[in-house]
N, C-alpha and C. Protein backbone atom coordinates (compact mmCIF):
# COMPACT_ATOMS: atom_id res chain seq x y z
N MET A 1 27.03 6.87 13.84
CA MET A 1 25.64 7.22 14.09
C MET A 1 24.75 6.23 13.33
N SER A 2 23.72 5.79 13.97
CA SER A 2 22.77 4.87 13.36
C SER A 2 21.86 5.63 12.39
N LEU A 3 21.57 5.01 11.24
CA LEU A 3 20.67 5.65 10.27
C LEU A 3 19.26 5.79 10.82
N THR A 4 18.81 4.80 11.59
CA THR A 4 17.50 4.85 12.21
C THR A 4 17.66 5.36 13.63
N GLN A 5 16.98 6.43 13.93
CA GLN A 5 17.07 7.06 15.24
C GLN A 5 15.94 6.57 16.14
N PRO A 6 16.12 6.60 17.46
CA PRO A 6 15.07 6.15 18.38
C PRO A 6 13.72 6.83 18.13
N GLU A 7 13.74 8.11 17.80
CA GLU A 7 12.48 8.82 17.56
C GLU A 7 11.75 8.31 16.31
N ASP A 8 12.48 7.64 15.39
CA ASP A 8 11.85 7.06 14.20
C ASP A 8 10.87 5.96 14.59
N LEU A 9 11.08 5.37 15.74
CA LEU A 9 10.26 4.24 16.17
C LEU A 9 9.08 4.65 17.05
N SER A 10 8.93 5.93 17.33
CA SER A 10 7.92 6.37 18.29
C SER A 10 6.49 6.05 17.87
N ASP A 11 6.20 5.97 16.58
CA ASP A 11 4.85 5.67 16.12
C ASP A 11 4.69 4.23 15.64
N ILE A 12 5.71 3.41 15.80
CA ILE A 12 5.68 2.03 15.34
C ILE A 12 5.23 1.14 16.50
N THR A 13 4.05 0.54 16.37
CA THR A 13 3.50 -0.29 17.45
C THR A 13 3.29 -1.74 17.04
N MET A 14 3.30 -2.04 15.74
CA MET A 14 2.97 -3.39 15.28
C MET A 14 4.20 -4.27 15.06
N LEU A 15 5.30 -3.69 14.70
CA LEU A 15 6.52 -4.44 14.41
C LEU A 15 7.01 -5.14 15.67
N GLY A 16 7.26 -6.45 15.56
CA GLY A 16 7.72 -7.22 16.70
C GLY A 16 6.61 -7.70 17.61
N ARG A 17 5.37 -7.49 17.21
CA ARG A 17 4.22 -7.92 18.00
C ARG A 17 3.47 -9.03 17.26
N LYS A 18 2.46 -9.60 17.92
CA LYS A 18 1.64 -10.65 17.33
C LYS A 18 1.00 -10.15 16.04
N ALA A 19 1.03 -10.99 15.02
CA ALA A 19 0.46 -10.62 13.72
C ALA A 19 -1.02 -10.96 13.67
N GLU A 20 -1.82 -9.96 13.35
CA GLU A 20 -3.25 -10.17 13.11
C GLU A 20 -3.73 -9.08 12.16
N PRO A 21 -4.78 -9.36 11.37
CA PRO A 21 -5.24 -8.37 10.39
C PRO A 21 -5.59 -7.04 11.05
N SER A 22 -5.28 -5.96 10.36
CA SER A 22 -5.56 -4.62 10.89
C SER A 22 -5.65 -3.61 9.76
N LYS A 23 -6.54 -2.66 9.88
CA LYS A 23 -6.65 -1.57 8.91
C LYS A 23 -5.73 -0.39 9.28
N HIS A 24 -4.95 -0.56 10.34
CA HIS A 24 -4.08 0.51 10.84
C HIS A 24 -2.73 0.48 10.12
N LEU A 25 -2.46 1.50 9.33
CA LEU A 25 -1.16 1.64 8.67
C LEU A 25 -0.26 2.53 9.52
N GLU A 26 0.99 2.13 9.65
CA GLU A 26 1.95 2.92 10.40
C GLU A 26 3.03 3.45 9.46
N ALA A 27 3.68 4.52 9.89
CA ALA A 27 4.72 5.15 9.08
C ALA A 27 5.85 5.63 9.98
N PHE A 28 7.01 5.80 9.37
CA PHE A 28 8.15 6.36 10.07
C PHE A 28 8.72 7.49 9.22
N PRO A 29 9.54 8.36 9.81
CA PRO A 29 10.03 9.53 9.09
C PRO A 29 10.95 9.18 7.93
N ASN A 30 10.83 9.93 6.86
CA ASN A 30 11.73 9.84 5.72
C ASN A 30 12.95 10.69 6.03
N ARG A 31 14.11 10.08 6.08
CA ARG A 31 15.34 10.81 6.41
C ARG A 31 15.91 11.59 5.23
N THR A 32 15.37 11.39 4.02
CA THR A 32 15.84 12.15 2.85
C THR A 32 14.65 12.75 2.10
N PRO A 33 13.91 13.65 2.77
CA PRO A 33 12.70 14.20 2.14
C PRO A 33 12.99 15.12 0.96
N GLY A 34 14.20 15.58 0.80
CA GLY A 34 14.54 16.45 -0.33
C GLY A 34 14.89 15.69 -1.60
N ARG A 35 14.91 14.37 -1.54
CA ARG A 35 15.28 13.55 -2.69
C ARG A 35 14.05 12.80 -3.19
N TYR A 36 13.81 12.84 -4.48
CA TYR A 36 12.73 12.05 -5.07
C TYR A 36 13.25 10.66 -5.36
N TYR A 37 12.72 9.67 -4.69
CA TYR A 37 13.10 8.28 -4.94
C TYR A 37 11.85 7.41 -4.85
N LEU A 38 11.90 6.30 -5.54
CA LEU A 38 10.75 5.43 -5.66
C LEU A 38 10.83 4.26 -4.67
N VAL A 39 9.73 4.04 -3.97
CA VAL A 39 9.58 2.87 -3.10
C VAL A 39 8.54 1.97 -3.77
N ARG A 40 8.88 0.69 -3.95
CA ARG A 40 7.95 -0.26 -4.57
C ARG A 40 7.67 -1.39 -3.59
N LEU A 41 6.40 -1.66 -3.35
CA LEU A 41 5.96 -2.77 -2.52
C LEU A 41 5.13 -3.68 -3.41
N GLU A 42 5.41 -4.98 -3.37
CA GLU A 42 4.67 -5.89 -4.25
C GLU A 42 4.40 -7.20 -3.52
N THR A 43 3.19 -7.69 -3.65
CA THR A 43 2.83 -8.99 -3.12
C THR A 43 1.88 -9.70 -4.07
N SER A 44 2.09 -10.99 -4.22
CA SER A 44 1.19 -11.79 -5.05
C SER A 44 0.23 -12.59 -4.17
N GLU A 45 0.14 -12.24 -2.89
CA GLU A 45 -0.66 -13.00 -1.94
C GLU A 45 -1.90 -12.27 -1.46
N PHE A 46 -2.36 -11.26 -2.20
CA PHE A 46 -3.55 -10.51 -1.78
C PHE A 46 -4.81 -11.32 -2.08
N THR A 47 -5.71 -11.34 -1.13
CA THR A 47 -7.02 -11.98 -1.34
C THR A 47 -8.11 -11.12 -0.74
N CYS A 48 -9.24 -11.14 -1.41
CA CYS A 48 -10.48 -10.57 -0.89
C CYS A 48 -11.60 -11.47 -1.42
N LEU A 49 -12.82 -11.12 -1.14
CA LEU A 49 -13.95 -11.93 -1.58
C LEU A 49 -14.80 -11.18 -2.60
N CYS A 50 -15.39 -11.92 -3.52
CA CYS A 50 -16.38 -11.31 -4.40
C CYS A 50 -17.55 -10.86 -3.53
N PRO A 51 -17.98 -9.61 -3.65
CA PRO A 51 -19.05 -9.12 -2.78
C PRO A 51 -20.42 -9.77 -3.07
N VAL A 52 -20.55 -10.45 -4.19
CA VAL A 52 -21.82 -11.08 -4.54
C VAL A 52 -21.81 -12.57 -4.22
N THR A 53 -20.78 -13.28 -4.70
CA THR A 53 -20.75 -14.74 -4.55
C THR A 53 -20.02 -15.21 -3.30
N GLY A 54 -19.16 -14.35 -2.75
CA GLY A 54 -18.36 -14.76 -1.60
C GLY A 54 -17.15 -15.60 -1.97
N GLN A 55 -16.93 -15.82 -3.26
CA GLN A 55 -15.77 -16.60 -3.69
C GLN A 55 -14.50 -15.76 -3.57
N PRO A 56 -13.37 -16.40 -3.30
CA PRO A 56 -12.13 -15.65 -3.14
C PRO A 56 -11.60 -15.11 -4.47
N ASP A 57 -11.06 -13.93 -4.41
CA ASP A 57 -10.36 -13.31 -5.53
C ASP A 57 -8.90 -13.15 -5.10
N PHE A 58 -7.99 -13.43 -6.02
CA PHE A 58 -6.56 -13.36 -5.74
C PHE A 58 -5.94 -12.30 -6.65
N ALA A 59 -4.95 -11.59 -6.12
CA ALA A 59 -4.33 -10.53 -6.91
C ALA A 59 -2.89 -10.30 -6.51
N THR A 60 -2.17 -9.70 -7.44
CA THR A 60 -0.87 -9.11 -7.14
C THR A 60 -1.13 -7.62 -6.96
N ILE A 61 -0.75 -7.11 -5.80
CA ILE A 61 -0.90 -5.69 -5.53
C ILE A 61 0.49 -5.07 -5.54
N THR A 62 0.66 -4.05 -6.37
CA THR A 62 1.93 -3.32 -6.45
C THR A 62 1.66 -1.87 -6.07
N VAL A 63 2.46 -1.36 -5.17
CA VAL A 63 2.41 0.05 -4.78
C VAL A 63 3.74 0.66 -5.14
N GLU A 64 3.68 1.79 -5.81
CA GLU A 64 4.87 2.59 -6.10
C GLU A 64 4.61 3.99 -5.56
N TYR A 65 5.53 4.49 -4.75
CA TYR A 65 5.33 5.85 -4.25
C TYR A 65 6.66 6.56 -4.05
N VAL A 66 6.57 7.89 -4.14
CA VAL A 66 7.69 8.77 -3.84
C VAL A 66 7.35 9.42 -2.51
N PRO A 67 8.07 9.04 -1.44
CA PRO A 67 7.71 9.57 -0.13
C PRO A 67 8.03 11.06 0.00
N ASP A 68 7.26 11.70 0.85
CA ASP A 68 7.55 13.08 1.23
C ASP A 68 8.16 13.01 2.63
N LYS A 69 7.34 13.15 3.65
CA LYS A 69 7.87 13.14 5.02
C LYS A 69 7.79 11.78 5.70
N LYS A 70 6.99 10.85 5.14
CA LYS A 70 6.78 9.56 5.80
C LYS A 70 6.94 8.39 4.85
N ILE A 71 7.30 7.24 5.45
CA ILE A 71 7.45 5.97 4.73
C ILE A 71 6.59 4.95 5.45
N VAL A 72 5.87 4.14 4.68
CA VAL A 72 5.01 3.13 5.31
C VAL A 72 5.86 2.02 5.92
N GLU A 73 5.49 1.59 7.10
CA GLU A 73 6.16 0.47 7.77
C GLU A 73 5.60 -0.81 7.17
N SER A 74 6.47 -1.70 6.69
CA SER A 74 6.04 -2.82 5.86
C SER A 74 5.19 -3.86 6.59
N LYS A 75 5.45 -4.11 7.87
CA LYS A 75 4.61 -5.09 8.57
C LYS A 75 3.18 -4.57 8.71
N SER A 76 3.03 -3.30 9.03
CA SER A 76 1.66 -2.76 9.14
C SER A 76 0.96 -2.83 7.79
N TYR A 77 1.71 -2.64 6.71
CA TYR A 77 1.13 -2.75 5.36
C TYR A 77 0.71 -4.19 5.08
N LYS A 78 1.53 -5.16 5.47
CA LYS A 78 1.18 -6.57 5.29
C LYS A 78 -0.10 -6.92 6.05
N LEU A 79 -0.19 -6.47 7.31
CA LEU A 79 -1.39 -6.75 8.11
C LEU A 79 -2.60 -6.01 7.57
N TYR A 80 -2.38 -4.84 7.01
CA TYR A 80 -3.45 -4.08 6.37
C TYR A 80 -4.01 -4.87 5.17
N LEU A 81 -3.14 -5.38 4.32
CA LEU A 81 -3.61 -6.17 3.18
C LEU A 81 -4.33 -7.43 3.65
N TRP A 82 -3.82 -8.05 4.68
CA TRP A 82 -4.43 -9.26 5.24
C TRP A 82 -5.86 -8.98 5.70
N SER A 83 -6.14 -7.77 6.13
CA SER A 83 -7.47 -7.44 6.66
C SER A 83 -8.56 -7.53 5.59
N TYR A 84 -8.17 -7.58 4.33
CA TYR A 84 -9.16 -7.71 3.24
C TYR A 84 -9.54 -9.16 2.95
N ARG A 85 -8.86 -10.12 3.55
CA ARG A 85 -9.05 -11.53 3.23
C ARG A 85 -10.50 -11.98 3.29
N ASP A 86 -11.25 -11.54 4.30
CA ASP A 86 -12.64 -11.97 4.47
C ASP A 86 -13.63 -10.86 4.13
N GLU A 87 -13.18 -9.88 3.38
CA GLU A 87 -14.02 -8.73 3.06
C GLU A 87 -14.45 -8.77 1.59
N GLY A 88 -15.72 -8.54 1.35
CA GLY A 88 -16.23 -8.48 -0.01
C GLY A 88 -15.94 -7.13 -0.64
N ALA A 89 -15.36 -7.14 -1.83
CA ALA A 89 -15.02 -5.87 -2.49
C ALA A 89 -14.83 -6.09 -3.98
N PHE A 90 -15.37 -5.18 -4.77
CA PHE A 90 -15.06 -5.18 -6.19
C PHE A 90 -13.61 -4.74 -6.37
N HIS A 91 -12.97 -5.24 -7.42
CA HIS A 91 -11.55 -4.97 -7.64
C HIS A 91 -11.26 -3.47 -7.73
N GLU A 92 -12.11 -2.76 -8.43
CA GLU A 92 -11.91 -1.32 -8.61
C GLU A 92 -12.00 -0.58 -7.27
N HIS A 93 -12.94 -1.01 -6.43
CA HIS A 93 -13.12 -0.34 -5.14
C HIS A 93 -11.94 -0.60 -4.20
N VAL A 94 -11.50 -1.85 -4.12
CA VAL A 94 -10.42 -2.16 -3.18
C VAL A 94 -9.11 -1.52 -3.62
N THR A 95 -8.84 -1.46 -4.90
CA THR A 95 -7.60 -0.82 -5.38
C THR A 95 -7.59 0.66 -5.03
N ASN A 96 -8.70 1.34 -5.27
CA ASN A 96 -8.79 2.76 -4.93
C ASN A 96 -8.78 3.00 -3.42
N LYS A 97 -9.34 2.10 -2.64
CA LYS A 97 -9.32 2.23 -1.17
C LYS A 97 -7.90 2.10 -0.64
N ILE A 98 -7.14 1.16 -1.18
CA ILE A 98 -5.74 1.02 -0.76
C ILE A 98 -4.98 2.31 -1.05
N LEU A 99 -5.18 2.87 -2.25
CA LEU A 99 -4.53 4.15 -2.58
C LEU A 99 -4.95 5.24 -1.60
N ASP A 100 -6.25 5.38 -1.37
CA ASP A 100 -6.74 6.43 -0.46
C ASP A 100 -6.14 6.30 0.94
N ASP A 101 -6.07 5.07 1.44
CA ASP A 101 -5.55 4.87 2.79
C ASP A 101 -4.05 5.17 2.87
N LEU A 102 -3.29 4.78 1.85
CA LEU A 102 -1.86 5.09 1.84
C LEU A 102 -1.63 6.60 1.75
N VAL A 103 -2.39 7.27 0.91
CA VAL A 103 -2.24 8.73 0.77
C VAL A 103 -2.60 9.43 2.09
N ALA A 104 -3.62 8.95 2.77
CA ALA A 104 -4.03 9.56 4.04
C ALA A 104 -2.94 9.45 5.10
N VAL A 105 -2.21 8.34 5.12
CA VAL A 105 -1.17 8.14 6.13
C VAL A 105 0.15 8.79 5.72
N LEU A 106 0.49 8.73 4.43
CA LEU A 106 1.82 9.15 3.99
C LEU A 106 1.89 10.55 3.41
N ASP A 107 0.81 11.03 2.80
CA ASP A 107 0.84 12.28 2.04
C ASP A 107 2.06 12.32 1.11
N PRO A 108 2.20 11.29 0.26
CA PRO A 108 3.39 11.19 -0.59
C PRO A 108 3.36 12.19 -1.74
N HIS A 109 4.54 12.41 -2.31
CA HIS A 109 4.61 13.24 -3.52
C HIS A 109 3.82 12.58 -4.65
N TYR A 110 3.93 11.25 -4.71
CA TYR A 110 3.30 10.48 -5.78
C TYR A 110 3.01 9.09 -5.27
N CYS A 111 1.89 8.50 -5.68
CA CYS A 111 1.58 7.13 -5.30
C CYS A 111 0.70 6.49 -6.38
N LYS A 112 1.02 5.25 -6.70
CA LYS A 112 0.24 4.47 -7.66
C LYS A 112 0.03 3.08 -7.08
N VAL A 113 -1.20 2.60 -7.16
CA VAL A 113 -1.53 1.24 -6.73
C VAL A 113 -2.06 0.49 -7.95
N ILE A 114 -1.48 -0.69 -8.17
CA ILE A 114 -1.92 -1.55 -9.27
C ILE A 114 -2.44 -2.85 -8.67
N GLY A 115 -3.68 -3.16 -8.96
CA GLY A 115 -4.27 -4.42 -8.56
C GLY A 115 -4.42 -5.29 -9.80
N ALA A 116 -3.61 -6.34 -9.90
CA ALA A 116 -3.68 -7.27 -11.05
C ALA A 116 -4.35 -8.55 -10.54
N PHE A 117 -5.64 -8.65 -10.81
CA PHE A 117 -6.44 -9.75 -10.27
C PHE A 117 -6.38 -10.96 -11.20
N ASN A 118 -6.33 -12.14 -10.60
CA ASN A 118 -6.26 -13.38 -11.36
C ASN A 118 -7.52 -13.57 -12.20
N ILE A 119 -7.38 -14.39 -13.22
CA ILE A 119 -8.49 -14.66 -14.14
C ILE A 119 -9.67 -15.26 -13.39
N ARG A 120 -10.84 -14.72 -13.68
CA ARG A 120 -12.08 -15.27 -13.18
C ARG A 120 -13.10 -15.14 -14.30
N GLY A 121 -13.73 -16.24 -14.64
CA GLY A 121 -14.69 -16.21 -15.73
C GLY A 121 -14.06 -15.87 -17.06
N GLY A 122 -12.76 -16.17 -17.20
CA GLY A 122 -12.06 -15.91 -18.45
C GLY A 122 -11.59 -14.48 -18.63
N ILE A 123 -11.75 -13.64 -17.60
CA ILE A 123 -11.38 -12.22 -17.71
C ILE A 123 -10.36 -11.87 -16.63
N THR A 124 -9.28 -11.25 -17.06
CA THR A 124 -8.30 -10.69 -16.13
C THR A 124 -8.64 -9.22 -15.94
N ILE A 125 -8.64 -8.77 -14.70
CA ILE A 125 -8.91 -7.36 -14.41
C ILE A 125 -7.67 -6.76 -13.75
N THR A 126 -7.17 -5.68 -14.32
CA THR A 126 -6.08 -4.91 -13.73
C THR A 126 -6.56 -3.49 -13.52
N VAL A 127 -6.43 -3.02 -12.30
CA VAL A 127 -6.88 -1.68 -11.93
C VAL A 127 -5.65 -0.87 -11.50
N GLU A 128 -5.50 0.32 -12.08
CA GLU A 128 -4.42 1.22 -11.70
C GLU A 128 -5.03 2.52 -11.20
N ALA A 129 -4.67 2.90 -9.98
CA ALA A 129 -5.14 4.15 -9.39
C ALA A 129 -3.93 4.97 -8.98
N GLU A 130 -4.00 6.28 -9.20
CA GLU A 130 -2.82 7.13 -9.05
C GLU A 130 -3.18 8.41 -8.31
N HIS A 131 -2.23 8.87 -7.50
CA HIS A 131 -2.33 10.15 -6.80
C HIS A 131 -1.05 10.94 -7.10
N VAL A 132 -1.19 12.18 -7.53
CA VAL A 132 -0.02 13.02 -7.82
C VAL A 132 -0.16 14.32 -7.05
N LYS A 133 0.71 14.51 -6.07
CA LYS A 133 0.78 15.78 -5.34
C LYS A 133 1.85 16.68 -5.96
N THR A 134 2.97 16.06 -6.38
CA THR A 134 4.11 16.80 -6.91
C THR A 134 4.49 16.21 -8.27
N PRO A 135 4.02 16.83 -9.38
CA PRO A 135 4.31 16.28 -10.70
C PRO A 135 5.81 16.08 -10.96
N GLU A 136 6.65 16.92 -10.42
CA GLU A 136 8.10 16.79 -10.61
C GLU A 136 8.62 15.47 -10.01
N ALA A 137 8.02 15.04 -8.91
CA ALA A 137 8.45 13.78 -8.27
C ALA A 137 8.09 12.60 -9.16
N LYS A 138 6.89 12.62 -9.73
CA LYS A 138 6.48 11.55 -10.63
C LYS A 138 7.43 11.50 -11.83
N ALA A 139 7.72 12.63 -12.40
CA ALA A 139 8.59 12.69 -13.59
C ALA A 139 10.01 12.23 -13.25
N ALA A 140 10.48 12.52 -12.06
CA ALA A 140 11.85 12.19 -11.67
C ALA A 140 12.08 10.69 -11.55
N VAL A 141 11.05 9.92 -11.24
CA VAL A 141 11.23 8.48 -11.03
C VAL A 141 10.71 7.64 -12.19
N ARG A 142 10.27 8.27 -13.26
CA ARG A 142 9.76 7.54 -14.44
C ARG A 142 10.81 7.47 -15.49
């Protein structure tokens, strides 16, 4: 029996298609919802723009989450991050928006987003935003 079932793909529309920026996150079913396990997504290629100067800001974005019923599909997540490339946003706002959007799609037991932005003006900014639905899940993976 295949681990991935045909019905797992019913909501997946971006994988295998032309890549373009999108705010649409997709998810597939978690086959082990009774187990607390950590999923980590990390990219050092995140960019957005300073909302005042329009200059590019670069960051490493790390997401850690304990899935409940859904898991984010990684290509949709990549295209989602790409959609910020030409968007002006303060670091604190974009980090919290990424968390809010992931929580809205996944309803995870636990989720944390870390935005580690490159030095600008001699200052490094790191923003950590966290959502806890199930404290036991957070404790189990720490």
